[in-house]
Amino acid sequence: MSNKEPELIGRIVKALSGYYYVRPETDAAGDGMIQCRARGIFKKRGESPLVGDLVAYEETDNGEGAVNRILPRHSELLRPPVANVELAVLVFSITEPALNLQLLDKFLAHIEHAGLQPIICLSKLDLAAEDQDGADVMGQIEQIYRSIGYEIYNTSSLLREGTTELEARLAGHLSVFAGQSGVGKSSLLNSIVPGLELNTAAISNKLGRGKHTTRHVELIRIAGGGYVADTPGFSQLDFQELGIEELSTCFPEFRERAGDCKFRGCTHTHEPSCAVLEALEHGEISPSRHEHYLLFLAEMKDKKRRY
């Protein structure tokens, strides 16, 4: 490193074609960015900077920059590759496409395993207002998930309802947006960040889902000093990184009762004096949540046998 130029601190907001686009931490307006290459030392160590990383960098003679080192991370996602995420906003439409509770529980399990704070965001509130089924779904989500302790935001990008509250919650944090294609993630981000104009895809009535519109992970600056990432990789979920014995810890209502089970390592499937099964019997745990837990467990065991 040159003796003349001091080391600077910034955050990687985009990685593309071997370049890292770093926004200086001193850039309060959020409009400055420097194009950097990573030092060769990273390759030797088998390390790679990620979008979301806080890094020490320096400006080079050609008007670009060089990333010298990565500051300590407090979280790291493998798919999509993002560092230092704090909040995961799971966007699910109330209708068009219909809300899939099993998929929601799968997302929540992954987010719990990653150690992030999940936020459930129900989109297309304007369509639900015209549909009794949509209203019923909203009531079901409130009843099941609010009681577990999950935050829930009801939003409509079209009517700009709920988006101000969500934006305030995200201020000062690095968040990922995740969910099925076609549920309105891009529309929601466009509503939170005026002028962003992310590509949106119309729902295919034939397939009941949208086309993928996001190609790479990029952090978007929002009011209050926060960042959000629209993440393509979260649409494909499996349990490869999650051990069978860890699954129950990804269900908070199971986790808080596990200490009262008779047997250590209780799977909450058939054991006598299981606190989770007793809570299920007494209506303290949602039957759908336990049913999905059993499905995920079977899926994981099946994959283990095949490999």
Protein backbone atom coordinates (compact mmCIF):
# COMPACT_ATOMS: atom_id res chain seq x y z
CA MET A 1 0.00 0.00 0.00
CA SER A 2 1.25 3.47 -0.85
CA ASN A 3 2.55 5.56 2.04
CA LYS A 4 0.92 8.65 0.54
CA GLU A 5 -2.66 7.40 0.35
CA PRO A 6 -4.46 6.38 3.56
CA GLU A 7 -6.57 3.23 3.67
CA LEU A 8 -10.27 3.98 3.19
CA ILE A 9 -13.36 2.11 4.42
CA GLY A 10 -16.38 1.34 2.24
CA ARG A 11 -19.08 -1.22 1.54
CA ILE A 12 -19.25 -3.44 -1.53
CA VAL A 13 -22.64 -2.75 -3.12
CA LYS A 14 -22.19 -4.72 -6.35
CA ALA A 15 -19.84 -7.37 -7.78
CA LEU A 16 -19.72 -7.84 -11.52
CA SER A 17 -17.21 -9.23 -14.02
CA GLY A 18 -14.33 -9.32 -11.54
CA TYR A 19 -14.94 -5.80 -10.25
CA TYR A 20 -16.18 -4.76 -6.81
CA TYR A 21 -18.13 -1.51 -6.63
CA VAL A 22 -17.40 0.10 -3.27
CA ARG A 23 -19.40 2.93 -1.72
CA PRO A 24 -17.33 4.95 0.80
CA GLU A 25 -18.76 4.92 4.33
CA THR A 26 -18.30 8.70 4.40
CA ASP A 27 -20.61 9.10 1.38
CA ALA A 28 -23.75 10.25 3.22
CA ALA A 29 -25.60 11.10 -0.01
CA GLY A 30 -25.12 7.56 -1.27
CA ASP A 31 -24.26 8.51 -4.85
CA GLY A 32 -20.48 7.95 -4.94
CA MET A 33 -18.94 4.64 -5.93
CA ILE A 34 -15.44 3.43 -6.80
CA GLN A 35 -14.67 0.48 -9.08
CA CYS A 36 -12.13 -1.84 -7.41
CA ARG A 37 -10.18 -5.00 -8.03
CA ALA A 38 -9.35 -7.38 -5.17
CA ARG A 39 -5.68 -7.82 -4.19
CA GLY A 40 -4.06 -11.11 -5.19
CA ILE A 41 -3.73 -12.08 -1.51
CA PHE A 42 -7.42 -13.03 -1.43
CA LYS A 43 -6.95 -15.71 -4.10
CA LYS A 44 -3.94 -17.14 -2.25
CA ARG A 45 -5.99 -17.42 0.94
CA GLY A 46 -8.99 -18.87 -0.86
CA GLU A 47 -11.08 -15.88 0.23
CA SER A 48 -13.45 -13.76 -1.79
CA PRO A 49 -15.03 -10.41 -0.96
CA LEU A 50 -18.83 -10.45 -1.00
CA VAL A 51 -21.53 -7.89 -1.69
CA GLY A 52 -22.32 -6.38 1.71
CA ASP A 53 -18.75 -6.61 3.00
CA LEU A 54 -17.20 -3.64 4.72
CA VAL A 55 -13.70 -3.43 3.24
CA ALA A 56 -10.52 -1.43 3.54
CA TYR A 57 -9.50 -0.16 0.10
CA GLU A 58 -7.25 2.40 -1.53
CA GLU A 59 -7.43 4.43 -4.69
CA THR A 60 -4.98 3.46 -7.44
CA ASP A 61 -3.25 5.50 -10.12
CA ASN A 62 -5.67 4.54 -12.90
CA GLY A 63 -8.65 6.14 -11.16
CA GLU A 64 -9.90 2.83 -9.84
CA GLY A 65 -9.33 1.18 -6.47
CA ALA A 66 -7.98 -1.94 -4.81
CA VAL A 67 -9.61 -3.91 -1.99
CA ASN A 68 -6.91 -4.63 0.61
CA ARG A 69 -8.79 -6.50 3.33
CA ILE A 70 -12.25 -7.52 4.50
CA LEU A 71 -13.46 -6.23 7.86
CA PRO A 72 -14.99 -8.87 10.21
CA ARG A 73 -18.38 -10.15 9.07
CA HIS A 74 -21.27 -10.77 11.45
CA SER A 75 -23.23 -12.91 8.96
CA GLU A 76 -22.66 -14.62 5.64
CA LEU A 77 -25.13 -16.15 3.21
CA LEU A 78 -23.95 -18.70 0.66
CA ARG A 79 -26.92 -18.45 -1.68
CA PRO A 80 -27.24 -15.66 -2.53
CA PRO A 81 -23.68 -14.61 -1.62
CA VAL A 82 -24.20 -11.59 0.66
CA ALA A 83 -22.37 -10.59 3.84
CA ASN A 84 -23.52 -8.68 6.93
CA VAL A 85 -27.24 -9.12 6.31
CA GLU A 86 -29.36 -8.42 9.40
CA LEU A 87 -32.98 -8.63 8.23
CA ALA A 88 -34.65 -10.99 5.76
CA VAL A 89 -37.88 -9.66 4.29
CA LEU A 90 -39.93 -12.61 3.04
CA VAL A 91 -42.36 -11.24 0.47
CA PHE A 92 -45.45 -13.38 -0.11
CA SER A 93 -48.47 -12.25 -2.08
CA ILE A 94 -51.86 -12.72 -0.46
CA THR A 95 -53.17 -13.74 -3.88
CA GLU A 96 -51.89 -14.07 -7.49
CA PRO A 97 -49.98 -16.29 -6.82
CA ALA A 98 -51.83 -17.81 -3.87
CA LEU A 99 -49.89 -17.87 -0.62
CA ASN A 100 -48.15 -21.18 0.01
CA LEU A 101 -47.72 -21.79 3.76
CA GLN A 102 -45.35 -24.71 3.20
CA LEU A 103 -43.01 -22.51 1.15
CA LEU A 104 -43.26 -19.73 3.75
CA ASP A 105 -42.24 -22.18 6.49
CA LYS A 106 -39.33 -23.40 4.35
CA PHE A 107 -38.09 -19.83 3.90
CA LEU A 108 -38.48 -19.15 7.62
CA ALA A 109 -36.50 -22.29 8.53
CA HIS A 110 -33.63 -21.22 6.26
CA ILE A 111 -33.64 -17.68 7.63
CA GLU A 112 -33.64 -18.94 11.23
CA HIS A 113 -30.70 -21.24 10.39
CA ALA A 114 -28.80 -18.31 8.86
CA GLY A 115 -29.26 -16.38 12.12
CA LEU A 116 -31.15 -13.50 10.50
CA GLN A 117 -34.22 -11.64 11.75
CA PRO A 118 -37.18 -12.63 9.52
CA ILE A 119 -39.90 -10.18 8.56
CA ILE A 120 -43.03 -11.45 6.80
CA CYS A 121 -44.28 -8.98 4.20
CA LEU A 122 -47.66 -9.71 2.64
CA SER A 123 -48.00 -7.96 -0.72
CA LYS A 124 -50.92 -7.13 -3.04
CA LEU A 125 -53.20 -5.96 -0.23
CA ASP A 126 -55.30 -4.17 -2.89
CA LEU A 127 -56.21 -7.51 -4.52
CA ALA A 128 -57.01 -9.14 -1.16
CA ALA A 129 -59.54 -6.41 -0.40
CA GLU A 130 -61.64 -7.67 -3.31
CA ASP A 131 -61.26 -11.35 -2.41
CA GLN A 132 -62.71 -13.06 0.68
CA ASP A 133 -60.14 -15.85 0.34
CA GLY A 134 -57.41 -13.21 0.55
CA ALA A 135 -58.90 -11.79 3.73
CA ASP A 136 -59.07 -15.30 5.21
CA VAL A 137 -55.40 -15.88 4.34
CA MET A 138 -54.40 -12.65 6.07
CA GLY A 139 -56.28 -13.70 9.20
CA GLN A 140 -54.60 -17.11 9.13
CA ILE A 141 -51.12 -15.59 8.81
CA GLU A 142 -51.81 -13.21 11.70
CA GLN A 143 -53.09 -16.03 13.92
CA ILE A 144 -50.23 -18.47 13.23
CA TYR A 145 -47.16 -16.29 12.83
CA ARG A 146 -47.80 -13.26 15.02
CA SER A 147 -48.21 -15.60 18.01
CA ILE A 148 -44.77 -17.10 17.31
CA GLY A 149 -43.28 -13.61 17.44
CA TYR A 150 -42.75 -12.88 13.74
CA GLU A 151 -43.18 -9.31 12.48
CA ILE A 152 -45.81 -8.99 9.76
CA TYR A 153 -46.33 -6.07 7.35
CA ASN A 154 -49.35 -5.87 5.04
CA THR A 155 -48.48 -3.88 1.92
CA SER A 156 -49.78 -2.69 -1.42
CA SER A 157 -47.26 -1.18 -3.83
CA LEU A 158 -50.14 0.03 -6.00
CA LEU A 159 -51.86 1.91 -3.18
CA ARG A 160 -48.58 2.65 -1.34
CA GLU A 161 -50.04 1.13 1.82
CA GLY A 162 -47.70 -0.27 4.47
CA THR A 163 -44.59 0.66 2.50
CA THR A 164 -43.70 3.68 4.68
CA GLU A 165 -43.82 1.53 7.82
CA LEU A 166 -41.69 -1.16 6.18
CA GLU A 167 -39.14 1.41 4.98
CA ALA A 168 -38.87 2.80 8.53
CA ARG A 169 -38.22 -0.72 9.86
CA LEU A 170 -35.41 -1.27 7.35
CA ALA A 171 -33.65 2.05 8.06
CA GLY A 172 -30.10 1.58 9.26
CA HIS A 173 -30.04 -2.15 8.44
CA LEU A 174 -28.81 -4.34 5.58
CA SER A 175 -31.76 -6.44 4.42
CA VAL A 176 -32.41 -9.10 1.81
CA PHE A 177 -35.72 -9.39 -0.02
CA ALA A 178 -36.73 -12.94 -0.81
CA GLY A 179 -39.73 -14.87 -2.04
CA GLN A 180 -41.26 -16.57 -5.05
CA SER A 181 -41.09 -14.94 -8.45
CA GLY A 182 -44.09 -12.78 -9.24
CA VAL A 183 -45.03 -11.87 -5.66
CA GLY A 184 -44.09 -8.22 -6.10
CA LYS A 185 -40.58 -7.91 -4.65
CA SER A 186 -39.43 -5.51 -7.37
CA SER A 187 -42.67 -3.50 -7.21
CA LEU A 188 -42.25 -3.20 -3.45
CA LEU A 189 -38.66 -1.99 -3.80
CA ASN A 190 -39.72 0.48 -6.50
CA SER A 191 -42.33 1.81 -4.06
CA ILE A 192 -39.80 2.16 -1.22
CA VAL A 193 -37.14 3.73 -3.45
CA PRO A 194 -38.83 6.18 -5.88
CA GLY A 195 -37.03 6.36 -9.22
CA LEU A 196 -35.42 2.93 -8.80
CA GLU A 197 -37.48 1.35 -11.60
CA LEU A 198 -36.38 -2.25 -11.14
CA ASN A 199 -37.62 -4.59 -13.85
CA THR A 200 -40.94 -6.21 -12.94
CA ALA A 201 -42.43 -9.29 -14.52
CA ALA A 202 -46.11 -9.87 -15.15
CA ILE A 203 -47.60 -13.04 -13.71
CA SER A 204 -48.00 -15.88 -16.16
CA ASN A 205 -51.59 -17.05 -15.73
CA LYS A 206 -50.72 -20.37 -17.33
CA LEU A 207 -47.84 -21.13 -14.96
CA GLY A 208 -49.15 -19.22 -11.95
CA ARG A 209 -45.72 -17.70 -11.40
CA GLY A 210 -43.54 -14.90 -12.72
CA LYS A 211 -40.29 -14.94 -14.66
CA HIS A 212 -36.99 -14.23 -12.94
CA THR A 213 -36.07 -10.60 -13.50
CA THR A 214 -33.06 -10.12 -11.18
CA ARG A 215 -29.68 -11.31 -12.49
CA HIS A 216 -27.15 -10.42 -9.80
CA VAL A 217 -27.07 -9.31 -6.19
CA GLU A 218 -26.90 -5.55 -5.78
CA LEU A 219 -27.40 -3.42 -2.69
CA ILE A 220 -29.79 -0.51 -3.03
CA ARG A 221 -29.49 2.48 -0.71
CA ILE A 222 -32.68 3.50 1.09
CA ALA A 223 -33.58 6.43 3.33
CA GLY A 224 -32.21 6.21 6.85
CA GLY A 225 -28.85 4.77 5.76
CA GLY A 226 -30.10 1.25 5.11
CA TYR A 227 -29.49 -1.09 2.20
CA VAL A 228 -31.72 -3.70 0.62
CA ALA A 229 -30.80 -6.48 -1.78
CA ASP A 230 -33.12 -8.05 -4.31
CA THR A 231 -31.71 -11.58 -4.34
CA PRO A 232 -32.23 -14.04 -7.19
CA GLY A 233 -30.73 -17.06 -5.40
CA PHE A 234 -33.31 -17.31 -2.63
CA SER A 235 -35.94 -18.68 -5.00
CA GLN A 236 -34.28 -22.12 -5.01
CA LEU A 237 -34.24 -23.68 -1.55
CA ASP A 238 -32.97 -27.01 -0.29
CA PHE A 239 -31.62 -28.18 3.02
CA GLN A 240 -28.04 -29.04 2.00
CA GLU A 241 -26.43 -26.75 4.58
CA LEU A 242 -28.83 -27.74 7.35
CA GLY A 243 -28.36 -30.92 9.40
CA ILE A 244 -31.36 -33.10 10.29
CA GLU A 245 -30.76 -32.57 14.00
CA GLU A 246 -30.77 -28.78 13.49
CA LEU A 247 -34.15 -28.53 11.76
CA SER A 248 -36.29 -28.34 14.90
CA THR A 249 -34.19 -25.43 16.22
CA CYS A 250 -35.31 -23.45 13.14
CA PHE A 251 -38.89 -23.49 14.46
CA PRO A 252 -38.90 -21.00 17.38
CA GLU A 253 -42.01 -22.47 19.02
CA PHE A 254 -40.31 -25.92 19.01
CA ARG A 255 -36.98 -24.51 20.18
CA GLU A 256 -38.43 -22.81 23.25
CA ARG A 257 -40.17 -26.03 24.37
CA ALA A 258 -37.42 -28.56 23.56
CA GLY A 259 -35.86 -28.25 27.03
CA ASP A 260 -39.05 -29.67 28.55
CA CYS A 261 -39.00 -32.84 26.43
CA LYS A 262 -38.29 -36.06 28.33
CA PHE A 263 -35.55 -37.20 25.94
CA ARG A 264 -32.51 -35.22 24.89
CA GLY A 265 -32.36 -35.00 21.10
CA CYS A 266 -36.14 -35.42 20.86
CA THR A 267 -37.26 -35.24 17.22
CA HIS A 268 -40.79 -34.11 18.16
CA THR A 269 -42.28 -36.80 15.92
CA HIS A 270 -43.34 -39.74 18.15
CA GLU A 271 -41.49 -39.64 21.49
CA PRO A 272 -43.39 -39.94 24.78
CA SER A 273 -43.48 -36.86 27.03
CA CYS A 274 -42.53 -34.60 24.12
CA ALA A 275 -43.32 -30.99 25.05
CA VAL A 276 -43.79 -30.03 21.40
CA LEU A 277 -46.30 -32.81 20.70
CA GLU A 278 -48.15 -31.94 23.92
CA ALA A 279 -48.32 -28.26 22.87
CA LEU A 280 -49.59 -29.37 19.45
CA GLU A 281 -52.31 -31.46 21.11
CA HIS A 282 -53.37 -28.50 23.27
CA GLY A 283 -53.60 -26.15 20.27
CA GLU A 284 -50.55 -24.10 21.29
CA ILE A 285 -48.65 -24.98 18.11
CA SER A 286 -50.14 -24.67 14.62
CA PRO A 287 -50.89 -28.07 13.01
CA SER A 288 -49.65 -26.73 9.65
CA ARG A 289 -46.29 -25.77 11.14
CA HIS A 290 -45.77 -29.24 12.63
CA GLU A 291 -46.97 -30.90 9.42
CA HIS A 292 -44.46 -28.90 7.37
CA TYR A 293 -41.69 -29.74 9.86
CA LEU A 294 -42.44 -33.46 9.31
CA LEU A 295 -42.37 -32.96 5.51
CA PHE A 296 -39.02 -31.16 5.66
CA LEU A 297 -37.62 -33.86 7.94
CA ALA A 298 -38.72 -36.57 5.49
CA GLU A 299 -37.23 -34.59 2.58
CA MET A 300 -33.89 -34.31 4.37
CA LYS A 301 -33.80 -38.02 5.28
CA ASP A 302 -34.65 -38.98 1.72
CA LYS A 303 -31.80 -36.87 0.34
CA LYS A 304 -29.40 -38.32 2.91
CA ARG A 305 -30.29 -41.86 1.78
CA ARG A 306 -29.79 -41.00 -1.89
CA TYR A 307 -26.37 -39.44 -1.31
